[in-house]
């Protein structure tokens, strides 16, 4: 068994490979935030008894999907080759998957924002749809986005290193971090309704970024995560202010 795995872990004695590994782990964790926000929002719509199980199944499926994609690395690399040209841009299968995933995210986020802003509009329809969201439906939607984010994640890994062992370790560590962070994040989002709107705004922005990337307009991820970080900081200050007002009003009475 060790002899079989040895060729994949020949980088152990190479210091530069360890730097690449740590960098890729950090990058994969950051890329996993998008997936985690979507999973948290979606599973919070399920009955409380099913939420943790749905999160585990969804993230477990993401791990399996990424490991399978790594095993077919040559096929994944081929997805970046153009299959047709339109509007002066050569579209690859990766581009089409990103566009489809982006459209799905935009549709999902827009629908949830509409329900949050105007819950009285089609209230009966909204309640029936919420009740109809089963474990299977949630897992199916999670798998759709897992596929989009997994392909993007693996292509990013391929661009970072040629060592398949480094890719496997980085993916496993990143998904493990997602698994550990999923429940605390979901509970935090559930307890703070304003965070839900912020998270949906993030999903909307991520969806538009995926669509733009699919059409050949690459938006540096640093800009996206800087905007998300700044928005989260402002919302954190708002939450702190609201908590202080509650305490002061409570002590006043």
Protein backbone atom coordinates (compact mmCIF):
# COMPACT_ATOMS: atom_id res chain seq x y z
CA UNK A 1 0.00 0.00 0.00
CA UNK A 2 2.81 2.41 0.97
CA UNK A 3 4.71 1.58 -2.21
CA UNK A 4 1.57 2.32 -4.25
CA UNK A 5 1.12 5.74 -2.62
CA UNK A 6 4.83 6.67 -2.59
CA UNK A 7 4.86 8.27 -6.09
CA UNK A 8 2.07 10.63 -5.05
CA UNK A 9 3.87 11.89 -1.94
CA UNK A 10 7.39 12.39 -3.24
CA UNK A 11 7.04 16.10 -2.41
CA UNK A 12 7.39 15.49 1.36
CA UNK A 13 11.09 16.37 1.38
CA UNK A 14 10.65 19.44 -0.85
CA UNK A 15 10.21 22.71 1.15
CA UNK A 16 8.71 24.55 -1.85
CA UNK A 17 6.08 21.83 -2.13
CA UNK A 18 5.03 22.45 1.48
CA UNK A 19 4.64 26.15 0.72
CA UNK A 20 2.48 25.23 -2.27
CA UNK A 21 0.43 22.87 -0.07
CA UNK A 22 -0.25 25.50 2.61
CA UNK A 23 -1.10 28.10 -0.05
CA UNK A 24 -3.47 25.74 -1.82
CA UNK A 25 -5.17 24.72 1.46
CA UNK A 26 -5.78 28.39 2.27
CA UNK A 27 -7.10 29.01 -1.23
CA UNK A 28 -9.39 25.97 -1.15
CA UNK A 29 -10.78 27.00 2.25
CA UNK A 30 -11.54 30.50 0.93
CA UNK A 31 -13.17 29.06 -2.20
CA UNK A 32 -15.24 26.79 0.03
CA UNK A 33 -16.85 29.77 1.79
CA UNK A 34 -19.19 30.33 -1.17
CA UNK A 35 -20.35 26.72 -1.07
CA UNK A 36 -20.73 26.80 2.71
CA UNK A 37 -22.95 29.92 2.70
CA UNK A 38 -25.28 28.29 0.18
CA UNK A 39 -25.43 25.03 2.16
CA UNK A 40 -26.14 26.92 5.42
CA UNK A 41 -29.01 28.96 3.94
CA UNK A 42 -30.57 25.97 2.19
CA UNK A 43 -30.39 23.53 5.12
CA UNK A 44 -31.89 26.13 7.49
CA UNK A 45 -35.13 25.74 5.50
CA UNK A 46 -35.37 22.08 6.55
CA UNK A 47 -36.92 20.82 9.81
CA UNK A 48 -34.39 21.30 12.61
CA UNK A 49 -33.95 17.55 13.15
CA UNK A 50 -32.75 17.11 9.55
CA UNK A 51 -30.42 20.11 9.21
CA UNK A 52 -27.20 18.67 10.62
CA UNK A 53 -27.63 15.45 8.62
CA UNK A 54 -28.28 17.41 5.41
CA UNK A 55 -25.17 19.53 5.97
CA UNK A 56 -23.04 16.43 6.56
CA UNK A 57 -24.44 14.70 3.48
CA UNK A 58 -23.99 17.80 1.33
CA UNK A 59 -20.42 18.46 2.41
CA UNK A 60 -19.59 14.74 2.28
CA UNK A 61 -20.88 14.66 -1.29
CA UNK A 62 -18.68 17.68 -2.06
CA UNK A 63 -15.63 15.78 -0.78
CA UNK A 64 -16.45 12.64 -2.79
CA UNK A 65 -17.13 14.71 -5.90
CA UNK A 66 -13.82 16.57 -5.64
CA UNK A 67 -11.84 13.37 -5.02
CA UNK A 68 -13.50 11.73 -8.03
CA UNK A 69 -12.76 14.79 -10.16
CA UNK A 70 -9.12 14.68 -9.04
CA UNK A 71 -8.96 11.04 -10.14
CA UNK A 72 -10.08 12.19 -13.61
CA UNK A 73 -7.76 15.18 -13.70
CA UNK A 74 -7.00 14.86 -17.42
CA UNK A 75 -10.73 15.04 -18.16
CA UNK A 76 -11.11 18.14 -15.97
CA UNK A 77 -8.23 19.90 -17.71
CA UNK A 78 -9.88 19.11 -21.06
CA UNK A 79 -13.01 20.95 -19.90
CA UNK A 80 -11.15 24.24 -20.39
CA UNK A 81 -10.75 23.63 -24.14
CA UNK A 82 -13.23 25.67 -26.26
CA UNK A 83 -16.05 23.64 -27.80
CA UNK A 84 -17.70 26.48 -29.76
CA UNK A 85 -17.32 30.22 -30.34
CA UNK A 86 -20.00 32.88 -29.87
CA UNK A 87 -19.84 36.65 -29.41
CA UNK A 88 -16.12 36.48 -30.10
CA UNK A 89 -15.49 34.18 -27.14
CA UNK A 90 -14.59 30.50 -27.22
CA UNK A 91 -16.85 28.70 -24.74
CA UNK A 92 -15.57 25.58 -22.97
CA UNK A 93 -17.56 23.07 -20.92
CA UNK A 94 -16.18 24.77 -17.79
CA UNK A 95 -17.57 28.11 -19.01
CA UNK A 96 -20.99 26.57 -19.63
CA UNK A 97 -21.02 24.92 -16.19
CA UNK A 98 -20.03 28.20 -14.52
CA UNK A 99 -22.74 30.11 -16.41
CA UNK A 100 -25.39 27.53 -15.50
CA UNK A 101 -24.29 27.51 -11.87
CA UNK A 102 -24.21 31.30 -11.76
CA UNK A 103 -27.72 31.56 -13.20
CA UNK A 104 -28.97 29.03 -10.64
CA UNK A 105 -27.39 31.03 -7.79
CA UNK A 106 -28.82 34.33 -9.07
CA UNK A 107 -32.29 32.75 -9.40
CA UNK A 108 -32.12 31.12 -5.96
CA UNK A 109 -30.79 34.22 -4.18
CA UNK A 110 -33.28 36.54 -5.93
CA UNK A 111 -36.21 34.28 -4.98
CA UNK A 112 -35.10 34.11 -1.34
CA UNK A 113 -34.54 37.89 -1.18
CA UNK A 114 -38.02 38.46 -2.60
CA UNK A 115 -39.57 36.20 0.04
CA UNK A 116 -37.56 37.92 2.79
CA UNK A 117 -38.44 41.46 1.69
CA UNK A 118 -42.13 40.81 0.93
CA UNK A 119 -43.24 37.74 2.92
CA UNK A 120 -46.93 38.69 2.54
CA UNK A 121 -46.74 38.39 -1.25
CA UNK A 122 -47.85 34.86 -2.21
CA UNK A 123 -47.55 33.89 1.44
CA UNK A 124 -49.48 30.65 1.04
CA UNK A 125 -47.36 29.66 -1.95
CA UNK A 126 -44.17 30.47 -0.04
CA UNK A 127 -45.22 28.39 2.97
CA UNK A 128 -46.17 25.42 0.79
CA UNK A 129 -42.87 25.54 -1.07
CA UNK A 130 -40.95 25.78 2.20
CA UNK A 131 -42.77 22.76 3.58
CA UNK A 132 -42.19 20.85 0.35
CA UNK A 133 -38.40 21.28 0.62
CA UNK A 134 -37.45 17.75 1.54
CA UNK A 135 -34.09 16.34 2.46
CA UNK A 136 -33.74 14.92 -1.05
CA UNK A 137 -34.54 18.27 -2.69
CA UNK A 138 -32.02 20.07 -0.47
CA UNK A 139 -29.28 17.52 -1.20
CA UNK A 140 -30.03 17.71 -4.94
CA UNK A 141 -29.63 21.49 -4.98
CA UNK A 142 -26.47 21.26 -2.87
CA UNK A 143 -25.04 18.68 -5.31
CA UNK A 144 -25.71 21.00 -8.27
CA UNK A 145 -23.68 23.77 -6.66
CA UNK A 146 -21.10 21.28 -5.36
CA UNK A 147 -20.42 20.32 -8.98
CA UNK A 148 -19.89 23.94 -10.05
CA UNK A 149 -17.66 24.85 -7.10
CA UNK A 150 -15.80 21.53 -7.25
CA UNK A 151 -14.81 21.97 -10.89
CA UNK A 152 -13.65 25.52 -10.20
CA UNK A 153 -11.76 24.28 -7.14
CA UNK A 154 -9.99 21.46 -9.01
CA UNK A 155 -9.02 23.71 -11.93
CA UNK A 156 -7.59 26.17 -9.39
CA UNK A 157 -5.61 23.33 -7.81
CA UNK A 158 -4.26 22.26 -11.19
CA UNK A 159 -3.10 25.81 -11.81
CA UNK A 160 -1.26 25.88 -8.47
CA UNK A 161 0.72 22.63 -8.56
CA UNK A 162 1.45 19.50 -10.58
CA UNK A 163 1.62 17.24 -7.50
CA UNK A 164 -1.54 15.15 -7.27
CA UNK A 165 -0.76 14.33 -3.61
CA UNK A 166 -0.77 18.03 -2.71
CA UNK A 167 -4.14 18.43 -4.43
CA UNK A 168 -5.67 15.52 -2.52
CA UNK A 169 -4.41 16.76 0.87
CA UNK A 170 -5.55 20.34 0.20
CA UNK A 171 -9.05 19.24 -0.86
CA UNK A 172 -9.48 16.89 2.14
CA UNK A 173 -8.30 19.53 4.63
CA UNK A 174 -10.48 22.25 3.06
CA UNK A 175 -13.63 20.10 3.08
CA UNK A 176 -12.90 19.04 6.68
CA UNK A 177 -12.78 22.73 7.66
CA UNK A 178 -16.10 23.21 5.85
CA UNK A 179 -17.59 20.29 7.80
CA UNK A 180 -16.45 21.74 11.14
CA UNK A 181 -17.63 25.26 10.30
CA UNK A 182 -21.00 24.31 8.73
CA UNK A 183 -23.11 23.99 11.88
CA UNK A 184 -21.76 27.08 13.72
CA UNK A 185 -22.21 29.17 10.56
CA UNK A 186 -25.74 27.88 9.95
CA UNK A 187 -26.75 28.58 13.57
CA UNK A 188 -25.24 32.07 13.41
CA UNK A 189 -27.16 32.84 10.21
CA UNK A 190 -30.38 31.48 11.72
CA UNK A 191 -30.08 33.59 14.91
CA UNK A 192 -29.30 36.80 13.01
CA UNK A 193 -31.94 37.52 10.34
CA UNK A 194 -30.00 40.47 8.89
CA UNK A 195 -27.10 38.11 8.20
CA UNK A 196 -29.42 36.06 5.98
CA UNK A 197 -29.97 39.07 3.70
CA UNK A 198 -26.22 39.76 3.66
CA UNK A 199 -25.48 36.12 2.81
CA UNK A 200 -28.07 36.17 0.02
CA UNK A 201 -26.41 39.31 -1.33
CA UNK A 202 -23.11 37.42 -1.31
CA UNK A 203 -24.69 34.55 -3.25
CA UNK A 204 -26.10 37.02 -5.77
CA UNK A 205 -22.66 38.58 -6.24
CA UNK A 206 -20.99 35.17 -6.50
CA UNK A 207 -23.56 34.08 -9.09
CA UNK A 208 -22.92 37.16 -11.23
CA UNK A 209 -19.16 36.56 -10.90
CA UNK A 210 -19.55 32.96 -12.11
CA UNK A 211 -21.59 34.15 -15.11
CA UNK A 212 -19.02 36.84 -15.95
CA UNK A 213 -16.21 34.27 -15.64
CA UNK A 214 -18.09 31.94 -17.98
CA UNK A 215 -18.29 34.70 -20.57
CA UNK A 216 -14.54 35.36 -20.31
CA UNK A 217 -14.63 38.38 -17.99
CA UNK A 218 -12.52 37.25 -15.05
CA UNK A 219 -13.08 39.17 -11.82
CA UNK A 220 -10.15 38.72 -9.39
CA UNK A 221 -11.33 36.72 -6.38
CA UNK A 222 -9.50 39.13 -4.08
CA UNK A 223 -11.95 41.91 -4.98
CA UNK A 224 -14.92 39.65 -4.28
CA UNK A 225 -13.72 38.48 -0.88
CA UNK A 226 -12.58 42.00 0.08
CA UNK A 227 -16.10 43.27 -0.64
CA UNK A 228 -17.60 40.37 1.34
CA UNK A 229 -15.23 41.00 4.23
CA UNK A 230 -16.00 44.74 4.31
CA UNK A 231 -19.77 44.09 4.20
CA UNK A 232 -19.47 41.52 6.99
CA UNK A 233 -17.45 44.01 9.10
CA UNK A 234 -20.10 46.74 8.65
CA UNK A 235 -22.88 44.28 9.53
CA UNK A 236 -20.88 43.17 12.58
CA UNK A 237 -20.69 46.78 13.76
CA UNK A 238 -24.45 47.15 13.20
CA UNK A 239 -25.10 44.03 15.27
CA UNK A 240 -22.85 45.34 18.04
CA UNK A 241 -24.74 48.65 18.03
CA UNK A 242 -28.13 46.91 18.16
CA UNK A 243 -27.03 44.74 21.08
CA UNK A 244 -25.85 47.81 23.02
CA UNK A 245 -29.16 49.57 22.37
CA UNK A 246 -31.09 46.54 23.68
CA UNK A 247 -28.95 46.44 26.81
CA UNK A 248 -29.29 50.17 27.43
CA UNK A 249 -33.07 50.11 26.86
CA UNK A 250 -33.36 47.08 29.13
CA UNK A 251 -31.37 48.72 31.93
CA UNK A 252 -33.42 51.93 31.50
CA UNK A 253 -36.60 50.05 32.42
